[in-house]
N, C-alpha and C. Protein backbone atom coordinates (compact mmCIF):
# COMPACT_ATOMS: atom_id res chain seq x y z
N MET A 1 6.37 1.17 -12.19
CA MET A 1 6.05 1.03 -10.80
C MET A 1 6.78 2.05 -9.94
N ASN A 2 8.01 2.39 -10.29
CA ASN A 2 8.77 3.36 -9.51
C ASN A 2 8.09 4.72 -9.46
N GLU A 3 7.43 5.10 -10.56
CA GLU A 3 6.70 6.36 -10.57
C GLU A 3 5.58 6.33 -9.53
N ILE A 4 4.91 5.21 -9.39
CA ILE A 4 3.81 5.07 -8.44
C ILE A 4 4.36 5.04 -7.01
N LEU A 5 5.45 4.33 -6.81
CA LEU A 5 6.10 4.30 -5.50
C LEU A 5 6.47 5.72 -5.07
N ASN A 6 7.12 6.47 -5.95
CA ASN A 6 7.53 7.83 -5.63
C ASN A 6 6.33 8.74 -5.39
N TYR A 7 5.28 8.56 -6.16
CA TYR A 7 4.07 9.36 -5.98
C TYR A 7 3.51 9.14 -4.58
N LEU A 8 3.35 7.87 -4.18
CA LEU A 8 2.80 7.58 -2.85
C LEU A 8 3.71 8.08 -1.73
N LYS A 9 5.02 7.96 -1.91
CA LYS A 9 5.95 8.46 -0.90
C LYS A 9 5.84 9.98 -0.76
N GLU A 10 5.71 10.68 -1.89
CA GLU A 10 5.57 12.13 -1.84
C GLU A 10 4.28 12.55 -1.15
N CYS A 11 3.23 11.77 -1.31
CA CYS A 11 1.95 12.08 -0.66
C CYS A 11 2.08 12.00 0.86
N GLY A 12 2.87 11.07 1.33
CA GLY A 12 2.99 10.86 2.76
C GLY A 12 1.87 10.00 3.31
N THR A 13 0.64 10.45 3.13
CA THR A 13 -0.52 9.67 3.54
C THR A 13 -1.32 9.31 2.30
N PHE A 14 -1.71 8.05 2.22
CA PHE A 14 -2.62 7.61 1.17
C PHE A 14 -3.72 6.81 1.85
N TYR A 15 -4.82 6.61 1.14
CA TYR A 15 -5.99 5.97 1.74
C TYR A 15 -6.25 4.63 1.05
N LEU A 16 -6.37 3.60 1.87
CA LEU A 16 -6.55 2.25 1.38
C LEU A 16 -7.97 1.80 1.68
N ALA A 17 -8.66 1.29 0.65
CA ALA A 17 -10.03 0.82 0.80
C ALA A 17 -10.08 -0.69 0.67
N THR A 18 -10.84 -1.30 1.58
CA THR A 18 -11.12 -2.73 1.55
C THR A 18 -12.64 -2.88 1.66
N THR A 19 -13.08 -4.12 1.73
CA THR A 19 -14.49 -4.36 2.00
C THR A 19 -14.62 -5.29 3.19
N GLU A 20 -15.72 -5.11 3.90
CA GLU A 20 -16.09 -5.99 4.99
C GLU A 20 -17.54 -6.37 4.73
N GLY A 21 -17.75 -7.57 4.18
CA GLY A 21 -19.09 -7.92 3.70
C GLY A 21 -19.44 -7.02 2.54
N ASP A 22 -20.53 -6.28 2.66
CA ASP A 22 -20.92 -5.35 1.60
C ASP A 22 -20.59 -3.90 1.94
N GLN A 23 -19.80 -3.70 3.01
CA GLN A 23 -19.48 -2.35 3.47
C GLN A 23 -18.04 -1.97 3.11
N PRO A 24 -17.85 -0.86 2.37
CA PRO A 24 -16.48 -0.40 2.13
C PRO A 24 -15.86 0.12 3.42
N ARG A 25 -14.54 -0.06 3.55
CA ARG A 25 -13.78 0.44 4.70
C ARG A 25 -12.55 1.16 4.15
N VAL A 26 -12.32 2.37 4.63
CA VAL A 26 -11.19 3.18 4.15
C VAL A 26 -10.43 3.68 5.37
N ARG A 27 -9.10 3.65 5.27
CA ARG A 27 -8.27 4.16 6.35
C ARG A 27 -6.94 4.68 5.80
N PRO A 28 -6.29 5.59 6.55
CA PRO A 28 -5.02 6.15 6.09
C PRO A 28 -3.87 5.17 6.30
N PHE A 29 -2.98 5.15 5.34
CA PHE A 29 -1.72 4.40 5.40
C PHE A 29 -0.60 5.38 5.07
N GLY A 30 0.64 4.99 5.32
CA GLY A 30 1.72 5.89 5.01
C GLY A 30 3.02 5.23 4.60
N ALA A 31 3.16 3.93 4.86
CA ALA A 31 4.42 3.25 4.54
C ALA A 31 4.27 2.43 3.27
N VAL A 32 5.24 2.58 2.40
CA VAL A 32 5.27 1.86 1.13
C VAL A 32 6.74 1.65 0.77
N CYS A 33 7.04 0.56 0.09
CA CYS A 33 8.41 0.34 -0.37
C CYS A 33 8.41 -0.57 -1.59
N GLU A 34 9.57 -0.66 -2.23
CA GLU A 34 9.80 -1.59 -3.32
C GLU A 34 10.69 -2.69 -2.79
N PHE A 35 10.34 -3.92 -3.11
CA PHE A 35 11.17 -5.07 -2.76
C PHE A 35 11.01 -6.10 -3.85
N GLU A 36 12.13 -6.54 -4.41
CA GLU A 36 12.16 -7.54 -5.48
C GLU A 36 11.23 -7.17 -6.64
N GLY A 37 11.21 -5.88 -6.98
CA GLY A 37 10.42 -5.42 -8.12
C GLY A 37 8.93 -5.32 -7.87
N ARG A 38 8.52 -5.38 -6.60
CA ARG A 38 7.10 -5.29 -6.26
C ARG A 38 6.88 -4.13 -5.30
N LEU A 39 5.69 -3.56 -5.36
CA LEU A 39 5.30 -2.49 -4.45
C LEU A 39 4.65 -3.12 -3.22
N TYR A 40 5.14 -2.75 -2.03
CA TYR A 40 4.67 -3.32 -0.77
C TYR A 40 4.02 -2.26 0.11
N ILE A 41 3.02 -2.70 0.87
CA ILE A 41 2.41 -1.91 1.94
C ILE A 41 2.54 -2.72 3.22
N THR A 42 2.20 -2.12 4.35
CA THR A 42 2.33 -2.83 5.62
C THR A 42 1.18 -2.52 6.56
N THR A 43 0.91 -3.44 7.45
CA THR A 43 -0.07 -3.25 8.51
C THR A 43 0.22 -4.23 9.63
N ASN A 44 -0.58 -4.16 10.67
CA ASN A 44 -0.52 -5.06 11.81
C ASN A 44 -1.43 -6.25 11.50
N ASN A 45 -0.93 -7.47 11.64
CA ASN A 45 -1.74 -8.64 11.29
C ASN A 45 -2.87 -8.91 12.28
N GLN A 46 -3.00 -8.10 13.33
CA GLN A 46 -4.10 -8.22 14.28
C GLN A 46 -5.25 -7.26 13.95
N LYS A 47 -5.05 -6.38 12.98
CA LYS A 47 -6.06 -5.38 12.64
C LYS A 47 -7.11 -5.95 11.68
N LYS A 48 -8.27 -5.33 11.72
CA LYS A 48 -9.36 -5.73 10.82
C LYS A 48 -8.96 -5.59 9.36
N VAL A 49 -8.18 -4.55 9.03
CA VAL A 49 -7.79 -4.34 7.64
C VAL A 49 -7.02 -5.55 7.10
N PHE A 50 -6.16 -6.14 7.92
CA PHE A 50 -5.40 -7.31 7.48
C PHE A 50 -6.36 -8.47 7.20
N ASN A 51 -7.28 -8.71 8.10
CA ASN A 51 -8.26 -9.79 7.91
C ASN A 51 -9.13 -9.53 6.69
N GLN A 52 -9.51 -8.28 6.46
CA GLN A 52 -10.31 -7.95 5.29
C GLN A 52 -9.55 -8.25 4.00
N MET A 53 -8.26 -7.94 3.97
CA MET A 53 -7.46 -8.21 2.77
C MET A 53 -7.24 -9.71 2.58
N GLN A 54 -7.24 -10.47 3.65
CA GLN A 54 -7.11 -11.92 3.52
C GLN A 54 -8.39 -12.53 2.96
N LYS A 55 -9.53 -12.01 3.35
CA LYS A 55 -10.82 -12.52 2.85
C LYS A 55 -11.09 -12.08 1.42
N ASN A 56 -10.77 -10.84 1.12
CA ASN A 56 -10.95 -10.29 -0.23
C ASN A 56 -9.75 -9.41 -0.53
N PRO A 57 -8.79 -9.92 -1.29
CA PRO A 57 -7.55 -9.18 -1.52
C PRO A 57 -7.67 -7.97 -2.44
N LYS A 58 -8.83 -7.75 -3.04
CA LYS A 58 -8.99 -6.60 -3.93
C LYS A 58 -9.07 -5.32 -3.09
N ILE A 59 -8.16 -4.40 -3.39
CA ILE A 59 -8.09 -3.13 -2.67
C ILE A 59 -8.04 -1.98 -3.66
N GLU A 60 -8.26 -0.78 -3.15
CA GLU A 60 -7.97 0.43 -3.90
C GLU A 60 -7.24 1.39 -2.97
N ILE A 61 -6.33 2.13 -3.56
CA ILE A 61 -5.60 3.17 -2.86
C ILE A 61 -5.87 4.47 -3.58
N SER A 62 -6.04 5.54 -2.81
CA SER A 62 -6.24 6.87 -3.38
C SER A 62 -5.42 7.87 -2.59
N ALA A 63 -4.92 8.87 -3.30
CA ALA A 63 -4.16 9.94 -2.66
C ALA A 63 -4.14 11.14 -3.59
N MET A 64 -3.74 12.28 -3.05
CA MET A 64 -3.66 13.50 -3.83
C MET A 64 -2.32 14.17 -3.58
N ASN A 65 -1.75 14.74 -4.66
CA ASN A 65 -0.44 15.37 -4.56
C ASN A 65 -0.28 16.41 -5.65
N LYS A 66 -0.01 17.65 -5.25
CA LYS A 66 0.32 18.73 -6.18
C LYS A 66 -0.70 18.86 -7.32
N GLY A 67 -1.97 18.87 -7.00
CA GLY A 67 -3.01 19.07 -8.00
C GLY A 67 -3.33 17.84 -8.83
N THR A 68 -2.76 16.71 -8.49
CA THR A 68 -3.10 15.45 -9.16
C THR A 68 -3.59 14.48 -8.11
N TRP A 69 -4.25 13.42 -8.56
CA TRP A 69 -4.67 12.38 -7.64
C TRP A 69 -4.53 11.03 -8.31
N ILE A 70 -4.42 10.02 -7.48
CA ILE A 70 -4.17 8.67 -7.97
C ILE A 70 -5.27 7.73 -7.48
N ARG A 71 -5.60 6.79 -8.33
CA ARG A 71 -6.45 5.67 -7.95
C ARG A 71 -5.67 4.41 -8.36
N LEU A 72 -5.40 3.57 -7.39
CA LEU A 72 -4.62 2.36 -7.61
C LEU A 72 -5.47 1.15 -7.23
N GLU A 73 -5.74 0.31 -8.20
CA GLU A 73 -6.49 -0.92 -7.98
C GLU A 73 -5.50 -2.08 -7.99
N ALA A 74 -5.63 -3.00 -7.04
CA ALA A 74 -4.69 -4.12 -6.98
C ALA A 74 -5.25 -5.24 -6.10
N GLU A 75 -4.51 -6.32 -6.07
CA GLU A 75 -4.75 -7.39 -5.12
C GLU A 75 -3.59 -7.37 -4.13
N ALA A 76 -3.90 -7.41 -2.85
CA ALA A 76 -2.88 -7.39 -1.80
C ALA A 76 -2.56 -8.83 -1.41
N VAL A 77 -1.29 -9.20 -1.55
CA VAL A 77 -0.85 -10.56 -1.27
C VAL A 77 0.12 -10.54 -0.10
N TRP A 78 -0.21 -11.26 0.95
CA TRP A 78 0.62 -11.33 2.15
C TRP A 78 1.92 -12.03 1.83
N ASP A 79 3.02 -11.44 2.23
CA ASP A 79 4.36 -12.02 2.09
C ASP A 79 4.94 -12.16 3.50
N ASP A 80 5.03 -13.36 4.00
CA ASP A 80 5.46 -13.59 5.39
C ASP A 80 6.98 -13.75 5.53
N ARG A 81 7.71 -13.47 4.46
CA ARG A 81 9.16 -13.62 4.54
C ARG A 81 9.81 -12.51 5.36
N ARG A 82 10.76 -12.88 6.16
CA ARG A 82 11.49 -11.91 6.98
C ARG A 82 12.18 -10.86 6.11
N GLU A 83 12.71 -11.29 4.96
CA GLU A 83 13.41 -10.37 4.06
C GLU A 83 12.49 -9.24 3.59
N ALA A 84 11.25 -9.55 3.33
CA ALA A 84 10.29 -8.54 2.88
C ALA A 84 9.98 -7.56 4.02
N ARG A 85 9.80 -8.09 5.22
CA ARG A 85 9.56 -7.22 6.37
C ARG A 85 10.77 -6.33 6.64
N ALA A 86 11.96 -6.90 6.53
CA ALA A 86 13.19 -6.13 6.77
C ALA A 86 13.33 -5.01 5.75
N ALA A 87 12.99 -5.27 4.49
CA ALA A 87 13.07 -4.23 3.46
C ALA A 87 12.11 -3.09 3.77
N MET A 88 10.89 -3.43 4.19
CA MET A 88 9.92 -2.40 4.55
C MET A 88 10.41 -1.58 5.73
N MET A 89 10.93 -2.25 6.74
CA MET A 89 11.42 -1.54 7.92
C MET A 89 12.58 -0.62 7.57
N GLU A 90 13.50 -1.13 6.77
CA GLU A 90 14.67 -0.33 6.39
C GLU A 90 14.25 0.93 5.64
N ASP A 91 13.27 0.80 4.76
CA ASP A 91 12.84 1.93 3.93
C ASP A 91 11.94 2.92 4.68
N ASN A 92 11.35 2.48 5.80
CA ASN A 92 10.40 3.32 6.53
C ASN A 92 10.68 3.32 8.03
N GLU A 93 11.94 3.22 8.39
CA GLU A 93 12.32 3.05 9.79
C GLU A 93 11.79 4.16 10.69
N ALA A 94 11.85 5.40 10.22
CA ALA A 94 11.44 6.52 11.07
C ALA A 94 9.98 6.39 11.51
N SER A 95 9.12 5.93 10.62
CA SER A 95 7.70 5.85 10.98
C SER A 95 7.31 4.49 11.54
N LEU A 96 8.01 3.42 11.17
CA LEU A 96 7.58 2.08 11.59
C LEU A 96 8.27 1.55 12.84
N SER A 97 9.48 2.01 13.13
CA SER A 97 10.24 1.41 14.24
C SER A 97 9.60 1.65 15.60
N ARG A 98 8.78 2.67 15.72
CA ARG A 98 8.09 2.89 17.00
C ARG A 98 6.84 2.03 17.14
N LEU A 99 6.43 1.39 16.04
CA LEU A 99 5.24 0.54 16.05
C LEU A 99 5.56 -0.95 16.01
N TYR A 100 6.62 -1.30 15.28
CA TYR A 100 6.91 -2.69 14.97
C TYR A 100 8.39 -3.00 15.09
N SER A 101 8.69 -4.29 15.11
CA SER A 101 10.03 -4.77 14.83
C SER A 101 9.87 -5.91 13.83
N VAL A 102 10.92 -6.20 13.12
CA VAL A 102 10.85 -7.18 12.03
C VAL A 102 10.34 -8.54 12.51
N ASP A 103 10.71 -8.94 13.71
CA ASP A 103 10.35 -10.27 14.21
C ASP A 103 9.34 -10.25 15.35
N ASP A 104 8.49 -9.22 15.42
CA ASP A 104 7.56 -9.12 16.55
C ASP A 104 6.30 -9.99 16.41
N GLY A 105 6.10 -10.60 15.25
CA GLY A 105 4.94 -11.47 15.06
C GLY A 105 3.66 -10.75 14.63
N ILE A 106 3.66 -9.41 14.63
CA ILE A 106 2.47 -8.67 14.20
C ILE A 106 2.72 -7.80 12.96
N PHE A 107 3.98 -7.57 12.64
CA PHE A 107 4.37 -6.74 11.50
C PHE A 107 4.15 -7.54 10.22
N ALA A 108 3.18 -7.12 9.41
CA ALA A 108 2.85 -7.84 8.18
C ALA A 108 3.07 -6.94 6.97
N VAL A 109 3.61 -7.52 5.91
CA VAL A 109 3.78 -6.79 4.65
C VAL A 109 3.03 -7.52 3.55
N LEU A 110 2.51 -6.75 2.62
CA LEU A 110 1.75 -7.29 1.50
C LEU A 110 2.22 -6.60 0.24
N TYR A 111 2.36 -7.37 -0.85
CA TYR A 111 2.71 -6.75 -2.11
C TYR A 111 1.46 -6.63 -2.98
N LEU A 112 1.54 -5.69 -3.92
CA LEU A 112 0.41 -5.43 -4.80
C LEU A 112 0.58 -6.18 -6.11
N LYS A 113 -0.42 -6.96 -6.45
CA LYS A 113 -0.41 -7.82 -7.64
C LYS A 113 -1.51 -7.35 -8.59
N ASN A 114 -1.28 -7.53 -9.89
CA ASN A 114 -2.27 -7.14 -10.91
C ASN A 114 -2.73 -5.70 -10.70
N ALA A 115 -1.76 -4.82 -10.53
CA ALA A 115 -2.06 -3.43 -10.17
C ALA A 115 -2.23 -2.55 -11.41
N THR A 116 -3.20 -1.66 -11.32
CA THR A 116 -3.40 -0.61 -12.31
C THR A 116 -3.54 0.71 -11.56
N ALA A 117 -2.65 1.62 -11.83
CA ALA A 117 -2.68 2.94 -11.21
C ALA A 117 -3.02 3.97 -12.28
N THR A 118 -3.92 4.86 -11.95
CA THR A 118 -4.27 5.95 -12.85
C THR A 118 -4.03 7.26 -12.11
N ILE A 119 -3.23 8.13 -12.73
CA ILE A 119 -2.97 9.45 -12.17
C ILE A 119 -3.79 10.45 -12.97
N PHE A 120 -4.63 11.19 -12.25
CA PHE A 120 -5.55 12.14 -12.86
C PHE A 120 -5.13 13.57 -12.54
N SER A 121 -5.52 14.49 -13.43
CA SER A 121 -5.41 15.91 -13.14
C SER A 121 -6.50 16.64 -13.91
N PHE A 122 -6.72 17.90 -13.56
CA PHE A 122 -7.72 18.69 -14.27
C PHE A 122 -7.18 19.24 -15.58
N THR A 123 -5.86 19.15 -15.79
CA THR A 123 -5.24 19.82 -16.94
C THR A 123 -4.68 18.88 -17.99
N SER A 124 -4.70 17.57 -17.74
CA SER A 124 -4.16 16.64 -18.74
C SER A 124 -4.93 15.33 -18.70
N GLU A 125 -4.69 14.54 -19.69
CA GLU A 125 -5.33 13.23 -19.76
C GLU A 125 -4.79 12.32 -18.67
N PRO A 126 -5.60 11.38 -18.20
CA PRO A 126 -5.12 10.45 -17.17
C PRO A 126 -3.94 9.61 -17.67
N LYS A 127 -3.02 9.31 -16.77
CA LYS A 127 -1.89 8.46 -17.09
C LYS A 127 -2.10 7.13 -16.38
N VAL A 128 -2.02 6.02 -17.13
CA VAL A 128 -2.26 4.69 -16.59
C VAL A 128 -0.95 3.92 -16.53
N VAL A 129 -0.68 3.32 -15.38
CA VAL A 129 0.51 2.49 -15.19
C VAL A 129 0.06 1.16 -14.64
N THR A 130 0.47 0.08 -15.29
CA THR A 130 0.15 -1.26 -14.80
C THR A 130 1.44 -1.95 -14.35
N PHE A 131 1.33 -2.76 -13.32
CA PHE A 131 2.48 -3.52 -12.85
C PHE A 131 2.01 -4.72 -12.07
């Protein structure tokens, strides 16, 4: 999992896909962290993306870095614990502190469950990591 965490951090921006009914929805994300051995992402609990993940937790993440690209399939599980929000804020303070505070009521974190990440390149076989 640490390899995937580092990959996403190096990318800076990654793209998260959800569904709304039968329509795919994709948007850029940028904050990720590890907490209690799990990979976490964050969003605002007032956004459509949060509601989409609550209705259908199956997501995909994609990003590209240094001639490779990743496809990460997982289920996003909301973690409402303050400790999880604090860990995300601490690890991403520069980008998140202007948007959220740990106890603002809108800062939501979700961990990735049943995750399979595949890193692809044009020069080698795909590498698969499950966590």
